[in-house]
C-alpha atoms as a PDB file:
ATOM      1  CA  MET A   1     163.193 -28.592 282.652  1.00  0.00           C
ATOM      2  CA  SER A   2     161.463 -27.808 285.844  1.00  0.00           C
ATOM      3  CA  THR A   3     161.334 -24.256 287.333  1.00  0.00           C
ATOM      4  CA  GLN A   4     163.560 -25.369 290.191  1.00  0.00           C
ATOM      5  CA  SER A   5     166.053 -26.681 287.901  1.00  0.00           C
ATOM      6  CA  ALA A   6     165.934 -23.629 285.588  1.00  0.00           C
ATOM      7  CA  LYS A   7     166.390 -21.400 288.566  1.00  0.00           C
ATOM      8  CA  LYS A   8     169.475 -23.375 289.730  1.00  0.00           C
ATOM      9  CA  THR A   9     171.158 -23.173 286.203  1.00  0.00           C
ATOM     10  CA  GLY A  10     170.395 -19.540 285.617  1.00  0.00           C
ATOM     11  CA  LEU A  11     168.036 -20.120 282.671  1.00  0.00           C
ATOM     12  CA  SER A  12     164.786 -18.439 282.239  1.00  0.00           C
ATOM     13  CA  LEU A  13     161.697 -19.051 280.014  1.00  0.00           C
ATOM     14  CA  CYS A  14     162.431 -15.838 278.469  1.00  0.00           C
ATOM     15  CA  ALA A  15     165.992 -16.537 277.614  1.00  0.00           C
ATOM     16  CA  VAL A  16     165.065 -20.133 276.410  1.00  0.00           C
ATOM     17  CA  ALA A  17     162.435 -18.836 274.033  1.00  0.00           C
ATOM     18  CA  ALA A  18     164.520 -15.968 272.912  1.00  0.00           C
ATOM     19  CA  ALA A  19     167.343 -18.612 272.035  1.00  0.00           C
ATOM     20  CA  ALA A  20     164.854 -20.974 270.162  1.00  0.00           C
ATOM     21  CA  ALA A  21     163.530 -17.783 268.141  1.00  0.00           C
ATOM     22  CA  VAL A  22     167.182 -16.926 267.178  1.00  0.00           C
ATOM     23  CA  PHE A  23     167.919 -20.437 266.162  1.00  0.00           C
ATOM     24  CA  ALA A  24     164.578 -20.866 264.218  1.00  0.00           C
ATOM     25  CA  ALA A  25     165.086 -17.593 262.327  1.00  0.00           C
ATOM     26  CA  ALA A  26     168.437 -18.709 261.108  1.00  0.00           C
ATOM     27  CA  GLY A  27     167.071 -21.543 259.124  1.00  0.00           C
ATOM     28  CA  PRO A  28     168.772 -24.694 258.010  1.00  0.00           C
ATOM     29  CA  ALA A  29     172.503 -24.526 257.814  1.00  0.00           C
ATOM     30  CA  LEU A  30     174.119 -24.337 254.313  1.00  0.00           C
ATOM     31  CA  THR A  31     176.868 -26.728 253.090  1.00  0.00           C
ATOM     32  CA  ALA A  32     179.629 -25.962 250.787  1.00  0.00           C
ATOM     33  CA  ASP A  33     177.598 -27.397 247.823  1.00  0.00           C
ATOM     34  CA  ASP A  34     174.447 -25.353 248.513  1.00  0.00           C
ATOM     35  CA  ASP A  35     173.894 -22.227 246.437  1.00  0.00           C
ATOM     36  CA  PRO A  36     172.433 -19.621 248.791  1.00  0.00           C
ATOM     37  CA  ALA A  37     169.537 -17.413 247.571  1.00  0.00           C
ATOM     38  CA  PRO A  38     170.371 -13.916 246.582  1.00  0.00           C
ATOM     39  CA  ALA A  39     170.066 -11.285 249.498  1.00  0.00           C
ATOM     40  CA  PRO A  40     166.902  -9.261 249.357  1.00  0.00           C
ATOM     41  CA  ALA A  41     167.511  -5.554 248.092  1.00  0.00           C
ATOM     42  CA  PRO A  42     168.131  -3.229 250.950  1.00  0.00           C
ATOM     43  CA  SER A  43     164.956  -1.380 252.131  1.00  0.00           C
ATOM     44  CA  ALA A  44     165.094   2.521 251.578  1.00  0.00           C
ATOM     45  CA  VAL A  45     163.764   2.871 255.011  1.00  0.00           C
ATOM     46  CA  ALA A  46     165.528   1.504 257.799  1.00  0.00           C
ATOM     47  CA  PRO A  47     163.430  -0.406 260.185  1.00  0.00           C
ATOM     48  CA  GLU A  48     162.550   1.550 263.222  1.00  0.00           C
ATOM     49  CA  LEU A  49     164.266   0.214 266.570  1.00  0.00           C
ATOM     50  CA  PRO A  50     162.089  -0.375 269.704  1.00  0.00           C
ATOM     51  CA  LYS A  51     162.259   2.507 272.092  1.00  0.00           C
ATOM     52  CA  THR A  52     165.240   2.342 274.458  1.00  0.00           C
ATOM     53  CA  PRO A  53     164.314   1.825 278.210  1.00  0.00           C
ATOM     54  CA  PRO A  54     164.037   5.250 279.771  1.00  0.00           C
ATOM     55  CA  VAL A  55     166.381   4.135 282.662  1.00  0.00           C
ATOM     56  CA  LEU A  56     168.997   3.323 280.307  1.00  0.00           C
ATOM     57  CA  VAL A  57     168.695   6.780 278.481  1.00  0.00           C
ATOM     58  CA  LYS A  58     169.067   8.538 281.569  1.00  0.00           C
ATOM     59  CA  ALA A  59     172.218   6.484 282.759  1.00  0.00           C
ATOM     60  CA  ILE A  60     174.075   6.964 279.508  1.00  0.00           C
ATOM     61  CA  ARG A  61     173.411  10.606 279.397  1.00  0.00           C
ATOM     62  CA  GLN A  62     174.712  11.085 283.022  1.00  0.00           C
ATOM     63  CA  ASN A  63     177.618   8.374 283.061  1.00  0.00           C
ATOM     64  CA  GLN A  64     180.722   8.012 280.796  1.00  0.00           C
ATOM     65  CA  VAL A  65     180.140   4.095 280.964  1.00  0.00           C
ATOM     66  CA  THR A  66     177.116   2.010 282.177  1.00  0.00           C
ATOM     67  CA  VAL A  67     177.215  -1.576 282.962  1.00  0.00           C
ATOM     68  CA  VAL A  68     173.868  -3.482 282.661  1.00  0.00           C
ATOM     69  CA  ALA A  69     173.711  -7.042 283.981  1.00  0.00           C
ATOM     70  CA  ILE A  70     170.788  -9.115 283.213  1.00  0.00           C
ATOM     71  CA  HIS A  71     170.469 -11.931 285.504  1.00  0.00           C
ATOM     72  CA  ALA A  72     167.861 -14.476 287.101  1.00  0.00           C
ATOM     73  CA  THR A  73     167.551 -13.836 290.819  1.00  0.00           C
ATOM     74  CA  ASN A  74     168.126 -17.049 292.908  1.00  0.00           C
ATOM     75  CA  ALA A  75     170.052 -18.793 290.076  1.00  0.00           C
ATOM     76  CA  ILE A  76     173.579 -19.525 291.681  1.00  0.00           C
ATOM     77  CA  PHE A  77     175.470 -19.221 288.789  1.00  0.00           C
ATOM     78  CA  ASP A  78     173.793 -15.793 287.796  1.00  0.00           C
ATOM     79  CA  GLU A  79     174.298 -14.519 291.365  1.00  0.00           C
ATOM     80  CA  LEU A  80     178.010 -15.210 291.140  1.00  0.00           C
ATOM     81  CA  ALA A  81     178.127 -13.541 287.705  1.00  0.00           C
ATOM     82  CA  LEU A  82     176.348 -10.515 289.132  1.00  0.00           C
ATOM     83  CA  ARG A  83     178.611 -10.016 292.047  1.00  0.00           C
ATOM     84  CA  GLU A  84     181.455 -10.118 289.655  1.00  0.00           C
ATOM     85  CA  ALA A  85     179.944  -7.741 287.229  1.00  0.00           C
ATOM     86  CA  ARG A  86     179.161  -5.360 289.957  1.00  0.00           C
ATOM     87  CA  ALA A  87     182.873  -5.693 291.334  1.00  0.00           C
ATOM     88  CA  GLY A  88     184.342  -4.959 287.676  1.00  0.00           C
ATOM     89  CA  ALA A  89     182.108  -1.882 287.299  1.00  0.00           C
ATOM     90  CA  ALA A  90     183.171  -0.739 290.653  1.00  0.00           C
ATOM     91  CA  GLN A  91     186.759  -1.385 290.120  1.00  0.00           C
ATOM     92  CA  ALA A  92     186.639   0.715 286.767  1.00  0.00           C
ATOM     93  CA  SER A  93     184.369   3.263 288.167  1.00  0.00           C
ATOM     94  CA  ALA A  94     181.463   2.474 286.036  1.00  0.00           C
ATOM     95  CA  LYS A  95     177.630   3.033 286.771  1.00  0.00           C
ATOM     96  CA  PHE A  96     176.079  -0.450 287.321  1.00  0.00           C
ATOM     97  CA  MET A  97     172.446  -1.597 286.759  1.00  0.00           C
ATOM     98  CA  THR A  98     170.550  -4.968 287.228  1.00  0.00           C
ATOM     99  CA  ILE A  99     167.739  -6.433 285.235  1.00  0.00           C
ATOM    100  CA  ASP A 100     166.039  -9.441 286.802  1.00  0.00           C
ATOM    101  CA  THR A 101     164.786 -11.939 284.260  1.00  0.00           C
ATOM    102  CA  ARG A 102     161.797 -12.571 286.356  1.00  0.00           C
ATOM    103  CA  LYS A 103     160.255  -9.048 285.669  1.00  0.00           C
ATOM    104  CA  GLU A 104     158.665 -10.377 282.456  1.00  0.00           C
ATOM    105  CA  LYS A 105     157.420  -6.783 281.058  1.00  0.00           C
ATOM    106  CA  VAL A 106     160.784  -5.175 281.800  1.00  0.00           C
ATOM    107  CA  ILE A 107     163.068  -7.970 280.378  1.00  0.00           C
ATOM    108  CA  ALA A 108     160.576  -8.266 277.305  1.00  0.00           C
ATOM    109  CA  ALA A 109     161.209  -4.578 276.635  1.00  0.00           C
ATOM    110  CA  TRP A 110     164.876  -5.067 276.820  1.00  0.00           C
ATOM    111  CA  VAL A 111     165.024  -8.238 274.767  1.00  0.00           C
ATOM    112  CA  LYS A 112     162.896  -6.480 272.007  1.00  0.00           C
ATOM    113  CA  ARG A 113     165.367  -3.596 271.797  1.00  0.00           C
ATOM    114  CA  TYR A 114     168.579  -5.572 272.445  1.00  0.00           C
ATOM    115  CA  PRO A 115     168.276  -8.995 270.719  1.00  0.00           C
ATOM    116  CA  GLN A 116     171.867  -9.967 271.657  1.00  0.00           C
ATOM    117  CA  ILE A 117     170.243 -10.563 275.239  1.00  0.00           C
ATOM    118  CA  VAL A 118     169.721 -14.448 274.655  1.00  0.00           C
ATOM    119  CA  GLY A 119     170.031 -15.662 278.320  1.00  0.00           C
ATOM    120  CA  SER A 120     171.315 -15.011 281.688  1.00  0.00           C
ATOM    121  CA  PRO A 121     173.725 -13.879 282.795  1.00  0.00           C
ATOM    122  CA  THR A 122     174.271 -11.197 279.932  1.00  0.00           C
ATOM    123  CA  ILE A 123     176.371  -8.111 280.647  1.00  0.00           C
ATOM    124  CA  LEU A 124     176.042  -5.142 278.437  1.00  0.00           C
ATOM    125  CA  VAL A 125     178.547  -2.237 278.534  1.00  0.00           C
ATOM    126  CA  PHE A 126     177.304   1.325 277.247  1.00  0.00           C
ATOM    127  CA  GLY A 127     179.283   4.362 276.381  1.00  0.00           C
ATOM    128  CA  ARG A 128     177.920   7.948 276.920  1.00  0.00           C
ATOM    129  CA  GLY A 129     175.518   9.142 274.264  1.00  0.00           C
ATOM    130  CA  SER A 130     175.173   5.665 272.508  1.00  0.00           C
ATOM    131  CA  GLU A 131     172.137   3.490 272.933  1.00  0.00           C
ATOM    132  CA  GLU A 132     174.090   0.606 271.334  1.00  0.00           C
ATOM    133  CA  PRO A 133     176.211  -1.453 273.656  1.00  0.00           C
ATOM    134  CA  ILE A 134     179.991  -1.132 273.248  1.00  0.00           C
ATOM    135  CA  SER A 135     180.528  -4.696 274.727  1.00  0.00           C
ATOM    136  CA  ASN A 136     178.041  -7.651 274.996  1.00  0.00           C
ATOM    137  CA  LEU A 137     179.317 -10.507 277.468  1.00  0.00           C
ATOM    138  CA  THR A 138     176.964 -13.343 277.029  1.00  0.00           C
ATOM    139  CA  ILE A 139     179.079 -15.878 279.026  1.00  0.00           C
ATOM    140  CA  TYR A 140     180.222 -15.862 282.665  1.00  0.00           C
ATOM    141  CA  SER A 141     182.825 -12.922 282.920  1.00  0.00           C
ATOM    142  CA  ASP A 142     184.808 -12.226 286.072  1.00  0.00           C
ATOM    143  CA  ARG A 143     185.391  -8.777 287.565  1.00  0.00           C
ATOM    144  CA  GLU A 144     188.664  -8.528 285.633  1.00  0.00           C
ATOM    145  CA  VAL A 145     186.985  -9.028 282.179  1.00  0.00           C
ATOM    146  CA  VAL A 146     183.960  -6.559 283.170  1.00  0.00           C
ATOM    147  CA  ALA A 147     186.643  -3.911 284.211  1.00  0.00           C
ATOM    148  CA  GLN A 148     188.508  -4.227 280.743  1.00  0.00           C
ATOM    149  CA  ALA A 149     185.523  -4.084 278.965  1.00  0.00           C
ATOM    150  CA  VAL A 150     184.525  -0.719 280.906  1.00  0.00           C
ATOM    151  CA  THR A 151     188.052   0.448 280.164  1.00  0.00           C
ATOM    152  CA  ASN A 152     187.651  -0.282 276.494  1.00  0.00           C
ATOM    153  CA  ALA A 153     184.240   1.357 276.302  1.00  0.00           C
ATOM    154  CA  ARG A 154     185.709   4.544 278.100  1.00  0.00           C
ATOM    155  CA  VAL A 155     188.383   4.718 275.513  1.00  0.00           C
ATOM    156  CA  ARG A 156     185.957   4.668 272.811  1.00  0.00           C
ATOM    157  CA  VAL A 157     183.684   7.385 274.475  1.00  0.00           C
ATOM    158  CA  VAL A 158     186.788   9.607 274.969  1.00  0.00           C
ATOM    159  CA  ALA A 159     188.067   9.136 271.442  1.00  0.00           C
ATOM    160  CA  ALA A 160     184.414  10.019 270.098  1.00  0.00           C
ATOM    161  CA  ALA A 161     184.455  13.142 272.120  1.00  0.00           C
ATOM    162  CA  GLN A 162     187.965  14.142 271.059  1.00  0.00           C
ATOM    163  CA  ARG A 163     186.807  13.574 267.250  1.00  0.00           C
ATOM    164  CA  LYS A 164     183.778  15.605 267.806  1.00  0.00           C
ATOM    165  CA  ALA A 165     185.595  18.639 269.487  1.00  0.00           C
ATOM    166  CA  LYS A 166     188.186  18.606 266.726  1.00  0.00           C
ATOM    167  CA  ALA A 167     185.241  18.619 264.036  1.00  0.00           C
ATOM    168  CA  LYS A 168     183.662  21.514 265.903  1.00  0.00           C
ATOM    169  CA  ALA A 169     187.007  23.528 266.244  1.00  0.00           C
ATOM    170  CA  LYS A 170     187.545  22.926 262.519  1.00  0.00           C
ATOM    171  CA  ASN A 171     184.107  24.229 261.473  1.00  0.00           C
ATOM    172  CA  ALA A 172     184.478  27.156 263.791  1.00  0.00           C
ATOM    173  CA  GLN A 173     187.991  27.957 262.145  1.00  0.00           C
ATOM    174  CA  LYS A 174     186.070  27.702 258.688  1.00  0.00           C
ATOM    175  CA  LYS A 175     183.426  30.198 259.711  1.00  0.00           C
ATOM    176  CA  LYS A 176     186.132  32.537 261.073  1.00  0.00           C
ATOM    177  CA  SER A 177     188.123  32.525 258.040  1.00  0.00           C
ATOM    178  CA  LYS A 178     185.008  33.102 255.714  1.00  0.00           C
ATOM    179  CA  GLY A 179     183.920  36.051 258.155  1.00  0.00           C
END
């Protein structure tokens, strides 16, 4: 595939390489007659995740919901997806950020931290205080789908805050009754 045709279709070399790595790591498909190998014993120490990009850390601290659009500049399909994602985030009053796949060092850090980024366009929706995406839209999504993903994320963020406040009040009540 030529660079020009890759730009038109919205594919980037990074995305193609990431997708190839995912499929290669998956290994051959099993059939019903195959006996899968036993799963390895869980490790006592969880593997350390790569560092979350600082710009995202700041955004999820300051905003209830943040929408991140990964796109390839000058790719017609990605530009349309980017406009729709921006409109959906605005419609639902969410912070909006973009990551251009042409910025190789930047996108490499994001792909390392978020392996669900397998191509462009990809839309990730984050809620306040969580460095893991609540929604991961890896296909073209119009503004209504993005706005709904933001609304769903907002509901989860509010519910988590309410659970935290309730637990804090319960602990305060316990301390008060002991004292």
